[in-house]
Amino acid sequence: MKTQQSRTRTLGCGSKQRGFTMVELGFVMVLIVGLAAVFLPDLFKQREDAKYSTAIAQIEKNFVSAIARQVARTNSCTAANVTKANLIKRGLPEQTVFGTEWSVAGVASNVVSITYGVDSTDSSAAGDIAAMLSKNANISSAVANGTTGVTIGYRCN
């Protein structure tokens, strides 16, 4: 019996606290908010960088492929054959990765001009994409339209 009393005494330690105090909960909340403030901006930046990379890949690969398949299918690089509807049939999405519109601006001299909308809240996105695309052999031109989009000239041949 003596052993049982000492056991209760050491477990109890004279305190009957159950749960956490408001100070402890407040400290945990401050810690969570602090960690969120440090890590969330980086996570959002990574998300935007992923959209940028996906847009470059889509413009350099998917648009080139869809235009080439449409021209091969019709054996013609004209405004009547290279339309947004036909390019969507060749696998292009209806909107850009930014959730904006793209369109076929025109077809002339074996060059298909596509206007690709970008995230207008990112002031450097259009210029950065245009600069990156100027290095691609399948693209004859890439020009930023302010902060709202890029006009890209694709070679038909």
N, C-alpha and C. Protein backbone atom coordinates (compact mmCIF):
# COMPACT_ATOMS: atom_id res chain seq x y z
N MET A 1 0.81 -1.18 0.00
CA MET A 1 0.00 0.00 0.00
C MET A 1 0.85 1.25 0.00
N LYS A 2 1.96 1.17 0.71
CA LYS A 2 2.85 2.31 0.76
C LYS A 2 3.39 2.64 -0.63
N THR A 3 3.65 1.66 -1.43
CA THR A 3 4.15 1.88 -2.78
C THR A 3 3.12 2.60 -3.64
N GLN A 4 1.89 2.28 -3.47
CA GLN A 4 0.84 2.91 -4.25
C GLN A 4 0.68 4.38 -3.90
N GLN A 5 0.83 4.78 -2.69
CA GLN A 5 0.71 6.18 -2.29
C GLN A 5 1.83 7.01 -2.89
N SER A 6 3.05 6.49 -2.86
CA SER A 6 4.16 7.26 -3.41
C SER A 6 4.01 7.42 -4.92
N ARG A 7 3.45 6.43 -5.54
CA ARG A 7 3.24 6.50 -6.98
C ARG A 7 2.24 7.61 -7.32
N THR A 8 1.17 7.74 -6.60
CA THR A 8 0.18 8.78 -6.86
C THR A 8 0.75 10.14 -6.58
N ARG A 9 1.54 10.22 -5.57
CA ARG A 9 2.13 11.49 -5.20
C ARG A 9 3.07 11.99 -6.30
N THR A 10 3.91 11.13 -6.87
CA THR A 10 4.86 11.58 -7.90
C THR A 10 4.14 11.89 -9.21
N LEU A 11 3.10 11.17 -9.51
CA LEU A 11 2.36 11.46 -10.73
C LEU A 11 1.59 12.75 -10.61
N GLY A 12 1.04 13.02 -9.48
CA GLY A 12 0.24 14.22 -9.29
C GLY A 12 1.08 15.47 -9.20
N CYS A 13 2.19 15.42 -8.56
CA CYS A 13 3.10 16.55 -8.36
C CYS A 13 2.38 17.77 -7.80
N GLY A 14 1.28 17.60 -7.17
CA GLY A 14 0.59 18.72 -6.55
C GLY A 14 -0.16 19.59 -7.54
N SER A 15 -0.24 19.24 -8.80
CA SER A 15 -0.90 20.08 -9.79
C SER A 15 -2.02 19.29 -10.45
N LYS A 16 -3.13 19.93 -10.69
CA LYS A 16 -4.27 19.26 -11.30
C LYS A 16 -4.61 19.92 -12.65
N GLN A 17 -3.61 20.43 -13.35
CA GLN A 17 -3.83 21.12 -14.62
C GLN A 17 -4.21 20.10 -15.70
N ARG A 18 -5.22 20.42 -16.46
CA ARG A 18 -5.64 19.60 -17.58
C ARG A 18 -5.67 20.50 -18.81
N GLY A 19 -4.99 20.10 -19.87
CA GLY A 19 -4.95 20.90 -21.08
C GLY A 19 -3.84 21.94 -21.04
N PHE A 20 -3.96 22.94 -21.91
CA PHE A 20 -2.94 23.96 -22.04
C PHE A 20 -3.47 25.29 -21.52
N THR A 21 -2.56 26.12 -21.06
CA THR A 21 -2.95 27.45 -20.61
C THR A 21 -3.09 28.37 -21.81
N MET A 22 -3.72 29.49 -21.63
CA MET A 22 -3.89 30.46 -22.71
C MET A 22 -2.55 31.00 -23.19
N VAL A 23 -1.60 31.14 -22.29
CA VAL A 23 -0.26 31.62 -22.66
C VAL A 23 0.40 30.62 -23.59
N GLU A 24 0.31 29.34 -23.26
CA GLU A 24 0.91 28.31 -24.11
C GLU A 24 0.24 28.28 -25.48
N LEU A 25 -1.07 28.35 -25.52
CA LEU A 25 -1.78 28.37 -26.80
C LEU A 25 -1.43 29.61 -27.61
N GLY A 26 -1.32 30.74 -26.94
CA GLY A 26 -0.93 31.98 -27.62
C GLY A 26 0.46 31.87 -28.21
N PHE A 27 1.37 31.27 -27.49
CA PHE A 27 2.73 31.09 -27.98
C PHE A 27 2.74 30.20 -29.23
N VAL A 28 1.98 29.13 -29.21
CA VAL A 28 1.91 28.22 -30.37
C VAL A 28 1.32 28.96 -31.57
N MET A 29 0.30 29.76 -31.36
CA MET A 29 -0.32 30.52 -32.46
C MET A 29 0.67 31.51 -33.06
N VAL A 30 1.41 32.20 -32.21
CA VAL A 30 2.42 33.15 -32.70
C VAL A 30 3.48 32.41 -33.51
N LEU A 31 3.88 31.25 -33.06
CA LEU A 31 4.87 30.45 -33.77
C LEU A 31 4.35 30.01 -35.13
N ILE A 32 3.11 29.57 -35.20
CA ILE A 32 2.52 29.13 -36.47
C ILE A 32 2.40 30.31 -37.43
N VAL A 33 1.95 31.44 -36.96
CA VAL A 33 1.82 32.63 -37.81
C VAL A 33 3.20 33.07 -38.32
N GLY A 34 4.19 33.01 -37.46
CA GLY A 34 5.55 33.38 -37.86
C GLY A 34 6.09 32.47 -38.94
N LEU A 35 5.89 31.18 -38.79
CA LEU A 35 6.35 30.22 -39.80
C LEU A 35 5.60 30.43 -41.12
N ALA A 36 4.30 30.67 -41.04
CA ALA A 36 3.52 30.91 -42.25
C ALA A 36 4.01 32.16 -42.97
N ALA A 37 4.32 33.20 -42.22
CA ALA A 37 4.80 34.45 -42.82
C ALA A 37 6.14 34.25 -43.53
N VAL A 38 6.93 33.33 -43.05
CA VAL A 38 8.23 33.07 -43.66
C VAL A 38 8.09 32.18 -44.90
N PHE A 39 7.27 31.14 -44.83
CA PHE A 39 7.25 30.14 -45.89
C PHE A 39 6.19 30.37 -46.97
N LEU A 40 5.06 30.98 -46.67
CA LEU A 40 4.00 31.14 -47.67
C LEU A 40 4.40 32.00 -48.87
N PRO A 41 5.10 33.12 -48.70
CA PRO A 41 5.49 33.87 -49.90
C PRO A 41 6.35 33.06 -50.86
N ASP A 42 7.23 32.23 -50.32
CA ASP A 42 8.05 31.38 -51.18
C ASP A 42 7.21 30.36 -51.92
N LEU A 43 6.22 29.82 -51.25
CA LEU A 43 5.35 28.84 -51.91
C LEU A 43 4.56 29.48 -53.04
N PHE A 44 4.06 30.71 -52.83
CA PHE A 44 3.32 31.39 -53.88
C PHE A 44 4.25 31.74 -55.05
N LYS A 45 5.47 32.13 -54.76
CA LYS A 45 6.44 32.45 -55.80
C LYS A 45 6.76 31.21 -56.63
N GLN A 46 6.91 30.07 -55.96
CA GLN A 46 7.17 28.83 -56.68
C GLN A 46 6.01 28.48 -57.61
N ARG A 47 4.80 28.74 -57.15
CA ARG A 47 3.62 28.46 -57.98
C ARG A 47 3.64 29.33 -59.23
N GLU A 48 3.97 30.61 -59.09
CA GLU A 48 4.04 31.51 -60.23
C GLU A 48 5.18 31.11 -61.17
N ASP A 49 6.31 30.70 -60.61
CA ASP A 49 7.43 30.24 -61.43
C ASP A 49 7.05 28.99 -62.21
N ALA A 50 6.27 28.12 -61.61
CA ALA A 50 5.81 26.91 -62.29
C ALA A 50 4.90 27.27 -63.47
N LYS A 51 4.02 28.26 -63.28
CA LYS A 51 3.15 28.71 -64.38
C LYS A 51 3.99 29.27 -65.52
N TYR A 52 5.00 30.07 -65.17
CA TYR A 52 5.88 30.66 -66.17
C TYR A 52 6.58 29.56 -66.98
N SER A 53 7.13 28.57 -66.29
CA SER A 53 7.82 27.46 -66.97
C SER A 53 6.87 26.65 -67.84
N THR A 54 5.66 26.44 -67.34
CA THR A 54 4.66 25.70 -68.10
C THR A 54 4.25 26.49 -69.34
N ALA A 55 4.13 27.79 -69.22
CA ALA A 55 3.78 28.63 -70.37
C ALA A 55 4.86 28.55 -71.44
N ILE A 56 6.12 28.63 -71.04
CA ILE A 56 7.22 28.52 -72.01
C ILE A 56 7.16 27.17 -72.73
N ALA A 57 6.99 26.09 -71.97
CA ALA A 57 6.92 24.76 -72.57
C ALA A 57 5.72 24.65 -73.52
N GLN A 58 4.57 25.19 -73.10
CA GLN A 58 3.38 25.13 -73.93
C GLN A 58 3.59 25.89 -75.24
N ILE A 59 4.18 27.06 -75.15
CA ILE A 59 4.40 27.89 -76.35
C ILE A 59 5.44 27.25 -77.27
N GLU A 60 6.53 26.75 -76.69
CA GLU A 60 7.61 26.20 -77.51
C GLU A 60 7.30 24.82 -78.09
N LYS A 61 6.51 24.03 -77.38
CA LYS A 61 6.27 22.67 -77.85
C LYS A 61 4.86 22.45 -78.37
N ASN A 62 3.86 22.72 -77.54
CA ASN A 62 2.48 22.40 -77.92
C ASN A 62 1.99 23.23 -79.10
N PHE A 63 2.26 24.53 -79.09
CA PHE A 63 1.81 25.37 -80.19
C PHE A 63 2.53 25.01 -81.48
N VAL A 64 3.83 24.78 -81.40
CA VAL A 64 4.61 24.40 -82.59
C VAL A 64 4.06 23.09 -83.17
N SER A 65 3.82 22.12 -82.29
CA SER A 65 3.32 20.82 -82.73
C SER A 65 1.92 20.94 -83.35
N ALA A 66 1.02 21.67 -82.71
CA ALA A 66 -0.34 21.81 -83.22
C ALA A 66 -0.35 22.51 -84.58
N ILE A 67 0.45 23.55 -84.72
CA ILE A 67 0.51 24.27 -86.01
C ILE A 67 1.09 23.35 -87.08
N ALA A 68 2.16 22.63 -86.76
CA ALA A 68 2.78 21.72 -87.74
C ALA A 68 1.80 20.63 -88.17
N ARG A 69 1.05 20.07 -87.22
CA ARG A 69 0.08 19.02 -87.56
C ARG A 69 -1.07 19.58 -88.39
N GLN A 70 -1.52 20.78 -88.09
CA GLN A 70 -2.62 21.39 -88.85
C GLN A 70 -2.15 21.70 -90.27
N VAL A 71 -0.95 22.23 -90.42
CA VAL A 71 -0.42 22.54 -91.76
C VAL A 71 -0.20 21.25 -92.54
N ALA A 72 0.32 20.20 -91.90
CA ALA A 72 0.52 18.92 -92.58
C ALA A 72 -0.82 18.29 -92.98
N ARG A 73 -1.81 18.43 -92.15
CA ARG A 73 -3.14 17.85 -92.42
C ARG A 73 -3.81 18.52 -93.62
N THR A 74 -3.67 19.83 -93.72
CA THR A 74 -4.36 20.57 -94.79
C THR A 74 -3.43 20.92 -95.96
N ASN A 75 -2.12 20.72 -95.76
CA ASN A 75 -1.10 21.06 -96.75
C ASN A 75 -1.20 22.53 -97.15
N SER A 76 -1.53 23.36 -96.15
CA SER A 76 -1.71 24.77 -96.42
C SER A 76 -1.52 25.58 -95.14
N CYS A 77 -0.80 26.69 -95.27
CA CYS A 77 -0.60 27.59 -94.13
C CYS A 77 -1.33 28.90 -94.43
N THR A 78 -2.65 28.85 -94.24
CA THR A 78 -3.48 30.03 -94.52
C THR A 78 -4.34 30.34 -93.31
N ALA A 79 -4.89 31.54 -93.31
CA ALA A 79 -5.76 31.97 -92.21
C ALA A 79 -7.03 31.12 -92.14
N ALA A 80 -7.45 30.58 -93.27
CA ALA A 80 -8.65 29.75 -93.29
C ALA A 80 -8.39 28.40 -92.62
N ASN A 81 -7.17 27.91 -92.68
CA ASN A 81 -6.85 26.58 -92.13
C ASN A 81 -6.25 26.62 -90.72
N VAL A 82 -5.50 27.64 -90.43
CA VAL A 82 -4.85 27.73 -89.12
C VAL A 82 -5.69 28.69 -88.25
N THR A 83 -6.71 28.13 -87.64
CA THR A 83 -7.61 28.90 -86.78
C THR A 83 -7.51 28.37 -85.35
N LYS A 84 -8.02 29.13 -84.41
CA LYS A 84 -8.01 28.68 -83.02
C LYS A 84 -8.79 27.38 -82.87
N ALA A 85 -9.94 27.29 -83.52
CA ALA A 85 -10.77 26.08 -83.42
C ALA A 85 -10.01 24.86 -83.94
N ASN A 86 -9.31 25.01 -85.06
CA ASN A 86 -8.55 23.89 -85.62
C ASN A 86 -7.37 23.53 -84.74
N LEU A 87 -6.72 24.52 -84.15
CA LEU A 87 -5.57 24.24 -83.27
C LEU A 87 -6.04 23.58 -81.97
N ILE A 88 -7.22 23.92 -81.50
CA ILE A 88 -7.77 23.24 -80.32
C ILE A 88 -8.04 21.78 -80.65
N LYS A 89 -8.53 21.53 -81.87
CA LYS A 89 -8.72 20.14 -82.32
C LYS A 89 -7.41 19.37 -82.37
N ARG A 90 -6.31 20.08 -82.59
CA ARG A 90 -4.98 19.44 -82.63
C ARG A 90 -4.38 19.31 -81.23
N GLY A 91 -5.14 19.66 -80.18
CA GLY A 91 -4.70 19.41 -78.82
C GLY A 91 -4.36 20.61 -77.95
N LEU A 92 -4.49 21.82 -78.47
CA LEU A 92 -4.20 22.99 -77.64
C LEU A 92 -5.37 23.28 -76.70
N PRO A 93 -5.06 23.80 -75.51
CA PRO A 93 -6.15 24.16 -74.59
C PRO A 93 -6.83 25.46 -75.05
N GLU A 94 -8.04 25.68 -74.53
CA GLU A 94 -8.77 26.88 -74.91
C GLU A 94 -8.21 28.13 -74.26
N GLN A 95 -7.53 27.98 -73.11
CA GLN A 95 -6.94 29.13 -72.42
C GLN A 95 -5.46 28.85 -72.13
N THR A 96 -4.76 29.92 -71.78
CA THR A 96 -3.35 29.78 -71.42
C THR A 96 -3.23 29.23 -70.00
N VAL A 97 -2.03 28.93 -69.57
CA VAL A 97 -1.82 28.44 -68.20
C VAL A 97 -2.15 29.52 -67.17
N PHE A 98 -2.20 30.76 -67.59
CA PHE A 98 -2.55 31.87 -66.69
C PHE A 98 -4.06 32.07 -66.60
N GLY A 99 -4.83 31.28 -67.35
CA GLY A 99 -6.28 31.43 -67.36
C GLY A 99 -6.74 32.57 -68.25
N THR A 100 -5.87 33.03 -69.14
CA THR A 100 -6.19 34.11 -70.07
C THR A 100 -6.43 33.52 -71.46
N GLU A 101 -6.87 34.35 -72.36
CA GLU A 101 -7.17 33.90 -73.73
C GLU A 101 -5.93 33.95 -74.62
N TRP A 102 -5.92 33.10 -75.63
CA TRP A 102 -4.95 33.18 -76.71
C TRP A 102 -5.74 33.20 -78.02
N SER A 103 -5.15 33.73 -79.06
CA SER A 103 -5.86 33.79 -80.34
C SER A 103 -4.87 33.74 -81.48
N VAL A 104 -5.40 33.36 -82.64
CA VAL A 104 -4.60 33.42 -83.87
C VAL A 104 -4.77 34.83 -84.41
N ALA A 105 -3.70 35.61 -84.35
CA ALA A 105 -3.77 37.01 -84.77
C ALA A 105 -3.74 37.15 -86.28
N GLY A 106 -3.15 36.17 -86.98
CA GLY A 106 -3.10 36.23 -88.43
C GLY A 106 -2.10 35.24 -88.99
N VAL A 107 -2.18 35.06 -90.31
CA VAL A 107 -1.26 34.18 -91.02
C VAL A 107 -0.80 34.93 -92.26
N ALA A 108 0.51 35.11 -92.42
CA ALA A 108 1.06 35.79 -93.59
C ALA A 108 2.49 35.33 -93.84
N SER A 109 2.82 35.13 -95.10
CA SER A 109 4.18 34.75 -95.50
C SER A 109 4.70 33.53 -94.73
N ASN A 110 3.87 32.50 -94.63
CA ASN A 110 4.23 31.27 -93.92
C ASN A 110 4.57 31.48 -92.45
N VAL A 111 3.99 32.50 -91.83
CA VAL A 111 4.17 32.75 -90.40
C VAL A 111 2.79 32.89 -89.76
N VAL A 112 2.56 32.07 -88.72
CA VAL A 112 1.31 32.14 -87.96
C VAL A 112 1.58 32.99 -86.73
N SER A 113 0.80 34.05 -86.56
CA SER A 113 0.96 34.93 -85.39
C SER A 113 -0.08 34.55 -84.33
N ILE A 114 0.41 34.24 -83.14
CA ILE A 114 -0.45 33.88 -82.02
C ILE A 114 -0.29 34.96 -80.95
N THR A 115 -1.40 35.44 -80.40
CA THR A 115 -1.36 36.35 -79.26
C THR A 115 -1.67 35.51 -78.03
N TYR A 116 -0.73 35.47 -77.11
CA TYR A 116 -0.81 34.62 -75.92
C TYR A 116 -0.92 35.51 -74.69
N GLY A 117 -2.06 35.46 -74.00
CA GLY A 117 -2.27 36.29 -72.81
C GLY A 117 -1.49 35.78 -71.61
N VAL A 118 -0.94 36.70 -70.83
CA VAL A 118 -0.19 36.34 -69.62
C VAL A 118 -0.82 36.99 -68.39
N ASP A 119 -0.26 36.71 -67.25
CA ASP A 119 -0.73 37.28 -65.99
C ASP A 119 -0.33 38.75 -65.94
N SER A 120 -1.31 39.64 -66.07
CA SER A 120 -1.00 41.07 -66.14
C SER A 120 -0.56 41.65 -64.80
N THR A 121 -0.72 40.90 -63.70
CA THR A 121 -0.25 41.40 -62.41
C THR A 121 1.26 41.25 -62.26
N ASP A 122 1.85 40.41 -63.09
CA ASP A 122 3.31 40.24 -63.09
C ASP A 122 3.87 41.11 -64.20
N SER A 123 4.41 42.24 -63.85
CA SER A 123 4.82 43.24 -64.84
C SER A 123 5.95 42.77 -65.75
N SER A 124 6.71 41.76 -65.36
CA SER A 124 7.83 41.33 -66.19
C SER A 124 7.56 40.02 -66.95
N ALA A 125 6.41 39.38 -66.73
CA ALA A 125 6.15 38.07 -67.35
C ALA A 125 6.17 38.13 -68.87
N ALA A 126 5.48 39.08 -69.47
CA ALA A 126 5.41 39.16 -70.94
C ALA A 126 6.80 39.40 -71.54
N GLY A 127 7.55 40.32 -70.98
CA GLY A 127 8.90 40.60 -71.48
C GLY A 127 9.84 39.42 -71.30
N ASP A 128 9.74 38.75 -70.16
CA ASP A 128 10.60 37.58 -69.90
C ASP A 128 10.27 36.44 -70.85
N ILE A 129 8.99 36.20 -71.08
CA ILE A 129 8.59 35.13 -72.00
C ILE A 129 9.05 35.45 -73.42
N ALA A 130 8.87 36.69 -73.86
CA ALA A 130 9.29 37.09 -75.21
C ALA A 130 10.80 36.92 -75.37
N ALA A 131 11.56 37.30 -74.37
CA ALA A 131 13.03 37.15 -74.44
C ALA A 131 13.42 35.69 -74.52
N MET A 132 12.76 34.85 -73.76
CA MET A 132 13.07 33.42 -73.75
C MET A 132 12.73 32.77 -75.08
N LEU A 133 11.62 33.18 -75.68
CA LEU A 133 11.17 32.57 -76.94
C LEU A 133 12.01 32.97 -78.13
N SER A 134 12.70 34.10 -78.04
CA SER A 134 13.51 34.56 -79.18
C SER A 134 14.67 33.61 -79.49
N LYS A 135 14.95 32.67 -78.59
CA LYS A 135 16.04 31.72 -78.80
C LYS A 135 15.58 30.43 -79.49
N ASN A 136 14.29 30.29 -79.75
CA ASN A 136 13.74 29.07 -80.33
C ASN A 136 13.77 29.14 -81.85
N ALA A 137 14.25 28.08 -82.50
CA ALA A 137 14.38 28.05 -83.95
C ALA A 137 13.03 28.02 -84.68
N ASN A 138 12.00 27.48 -84.05
CA ASN A 138 10.67 27.40 -84.68
C ASN A 138 9.89 28.70 -84.59
N ILE A 139 10.40 29.64 -83.84
CA ILE A 139 9.70 30.90 -83.62
C ILE A 139 10.44 32.02 -84.35
N SER A 140 9.73 32.69 -85.24
CA SER A 140 10.38 33.75 -86.02
C SER A 140 10.43 35.07 -85.26
N SER A 141 9.46 35.29 -84.35
CA SER A 141 9.46 36.53 -83.57
C SER A 141 8.65 36.33 -82.29
N ALA A 142 8.99 37.09 -81.30
CA ALA A 142 8.24 37.11 -80.05
C ALA A 142 8.34 38.52 -79.48
N VAL A 143 7.19 39.17 -79.34
CA VAL A 143 7.15 40.55 -78.89
C VAL A 143 6.15 40.68 -77.75
N ALA A 144 6.59 41.31 -76.66
CA ALA A 144 5.71 41.55 -75.51
C ALA A 144 4.72 42.66 -75.85
N ASN A 145 3.46 42.45 -75.48
CA ASN A 145 2.41 43.46 -75.64
C ASN A 145 2.18 44.12 -74.28
N GLY A 146 3.07 44.97 -73.88
CA GLY A 146 2.98 45.58 -72.55
C GLY A 146 3.10 44.51 -71.48
N THR A 147 2.15 44.46 -70.57
CA THR A 147 2.17 43.44 -69.52
C THR A 147 1.05 42.42 -69.69
N THR A 148 0.30 42.51 -70.80
CA THR A 148 -0.87 41.65 -70.94
C THR A 148 -0.66 40.42 -71.82
N GLY A 149 0.37 40.40 -72.64
CA GLY A 149 0.54 39.25 -73.51
C GLY A 149 1.79 39.31 -74.36
N VAL A 150 1.92 38.27 -75.17
CA VAL A 150 3.05 38.14 -76.09
C VAL A 150 2.49 37.75 -77.44
N THR A 151 2.99 38.38 -78.51
CA THR A 151 2.63 37.97 -79.87
C THR A 151 3.81 37.17 -80.41
N ILE A 152 3.50 35.94 -80.81
CA ILE A 152 4.54 35.00 -81.24
C ILE A 152 4.31 34.66 -82.70
N GLY A 153 5.38 34.72 -83.49
CA GLY A 153 5.31 34.33 -84.89
C GLY A 153 5.93 32.95 -85.06
N TYR A 154 5.12 31.99 -85.51
CA TYR A 154 5.58 30.61 -85.75
C TYR A 154 5.77 30.38 -87.23
N ARG A 155 6.87 29.75 -87.59
CA ARG A 155 7.11 29.38 -88.98
C ARG A 155 6.24 28.17 -89.33
N CYS A 156 5.61 28.21 -90.50
CA CYS A 156 4.77 27.09 -90.92
C CYS A 156 5.59 25.91 -91.44
N ASN A 157 6.76 26.16 -91.96
CA ASN A 157 7.54 25.08 -92.56
C ASN A 157 8.60 24.55 -91.64
